[in-house]
Amino acid sequence: MDLKELRAQIKTQMDRDRAKAILEHLGYRVDRNYKFCLRDERTPSASIRRDGYIKDFGSGWGGDLVALLHEHHGIDLKEATRWVAACLGIRCDHE
């Protein structure tokens, strides 16, 4: 499965609760309203939409978990995609 197909599968399986669980696994504290701090700040400015999309109103950034890992944690896009897929139980054959 190529990266594009894998991203499409992630998108179909991602939702707010799954995104919250993965973010918490990464060390973020997500409140019951699905808001969290993406940066060092006192009040949460990022939130998770029902489809798992993340929007940071403080900086204007928005993206999915793969983009967050890639852009905010410096993880290679391929590795980030495979990691999120594994968290969702999506099998991806290594090339």
Protein backbone atom coordinates (compact mmCIF):
# COMPACT_ATOMS: atom_id res chain seq x y z
CA MET A 1 0.00 0.00 0.00
CA ASP A 2 1.45 3.36 -0.95
CA LEU A 3 1.49 6.44 1.27
CA LYS A 4 -1.47 8.07 -0.46
CA GLU A 5 -3.66 4.99 0.04
CA LEU A 6 -2.54 4.71 3.65
CA ARG A 7 -3.41 8.37 4.33
CA ALA A 8 -6.85 7.79 2.78
CA GLN A 9 -7.44 4.79 5.05
CA ILE A 10 -6.33 6.79 8.09
CA LYS A 11 -8.78 9.54 7.16
CA THR A 12 -11.71 7.11 6.92
CA GLN A 13 -10.95 5.55 10.31
CA MET A 14 -9.99 8.67 12.26
CA ASP A 15 -12.44 10.36 14.58
CA ARG A 16 -12.30 12.70 17.54
CA ASP A 17 -11.94 10.00 20.20
CA ARG A 18 -9.18 8.16 18.35
CA ALA A 19 -7.30 11.41 17.75
CA LYS A 20 -7.65 12.25 21.46
CA ALA A 21 -6.28 8.84 22.49
CA ILE A 22 -3.28 9.17 20.17
CA LEU A 23 -2.56 12.73 21.33
CA GLU A 24 -2.72 11.61 24.96
CA HIS A 25 -0.32 8.77 24.12
CA LEU A 26 2.03 11.44 22.76
CA GLY A 27 1.83 13.30 26.09
CA TYR A 28 -0.74 16.00 25.32
CA ARG A 29 -3.47 16.67 27.88
CA VAL A 30 -6.77 16.80 26.02
CA ASP A 31 -9.79 18.03 28.00
CA ARG A 32 -13.34 16.68 27.78
CA ASN A 33 -14.17 19.32 25.17
CA TYR A 34 -11.35 18.00 22.97
CA LYS A 35 -9.19 21.08 23.48
CA PHE A 36 -5.47 20.99 24.23
CA CYS A 37 -2.29 23.03 24.23
CA LEU A 38 -0.19 22.48 21.14
CA ARG A 39 2.42 24.98 22.28
CA ASP A 40 3.59 26.17 25.68
CA GLU A 41 0.54 28.17 26.77
CA ARG A 42 -1.76 28.44 29.76
CA THR A 43 -5.09 27.90 28.06
CA PRO A 44 -5.72 25.41 25.25
CA SER A 45 -5.99 26.94 21.80
CA ALA A 46 -6.08 23.75 19.74
CA SER A 47 -9.12 21.56 19.29
CA ILE A 48 -10.06 18.30 17.60
CA ARG A 49 -12.96 18.23 15.15
CA ARG A 50 -15.31 15.26 14.91
CA ASP A 51 -13.34 13.88 11.96
CA GLY A 52 -10.05 14.03 13.92
CA TYR A 53 -8.77 17.16 12.16
CA ILE A 54 -6.80 19.41 14.50
CA LYS A 55 -7.08 23.20 14.42
CA ASP A 56 -4.81 25.49 16.41
CA PHE A 57 -6.52 28.85 16.65
CA GLY A 58 -3.49 30.43 18.30
CA SER A 59 -1.20 29.98 15.31
CA GLY A 60 -3.70 29.26 12.56
CA TRP A 61 -2.20 25.81 11.93
CA GLY A 62 -4.50 22.95 10.99
CA GLY A 63 -3.97 19.36 9.95
CA ASP A 64 -4.36 15.72 10.79
CA LEU A 65 -2.23 13.69 13.20
CA VAL A 66 0.23 12.75 10.47
CA ALA A 67 0.79 16.43 9.70
CA LEU A 68 1.15 17.22 13.42
CA LEU A 69 3.84 14.56 13.85
CA HIS A 70 5.62 15.70 10.71
CA GLU A 71 5.42 19.46 11.22
CA HIS A 72 5.53 19.81 15.02
CA HIS A 73 7.66 16.82 15.99
CA GLY A 74 9.95 16.63 12.97
CA ILE A 75 9.09 13.02 12.13
CA ASP A 76 9.53 11.90 8.53
CA LEU A 77 6.19 11.91 6.66
CA LYS A 78 6.40 8.22 5.76
CA GLU A 79 7.24 7.23 9.33
CA ALA A 80 4.49 9.46 10.77
CA THR A 81 1.93 7.97 8.38
CA ARG A 82 2.88 4.42 9.27
CA TRP A 83 2.89 5.18 13.00
CA VAL A 84 -0.62 6.69 12.94
CA ALA A 85 -1.83 3.79 10.78
CA ALA A 86 -0.42 1.31 13.32
CA CYS A 87 -2.19 3.18 16.15
CA LEU A 88 -5.46 2.67 14.26
CA GLY A 89 -4.74 -1.00 13.58
CA ILE A 90 -4.25 -0.47 9.85
CA ARG A 91 -1.81 -2.97 8.40
CA CYS A 92 0.70 -1.58 5.98
CA ASP A 93 3.17 -3.78 4.21
CA HIS A 94 6.71 -2.46 4.21
CA GLU A 95 8.09 -1.72 0.78
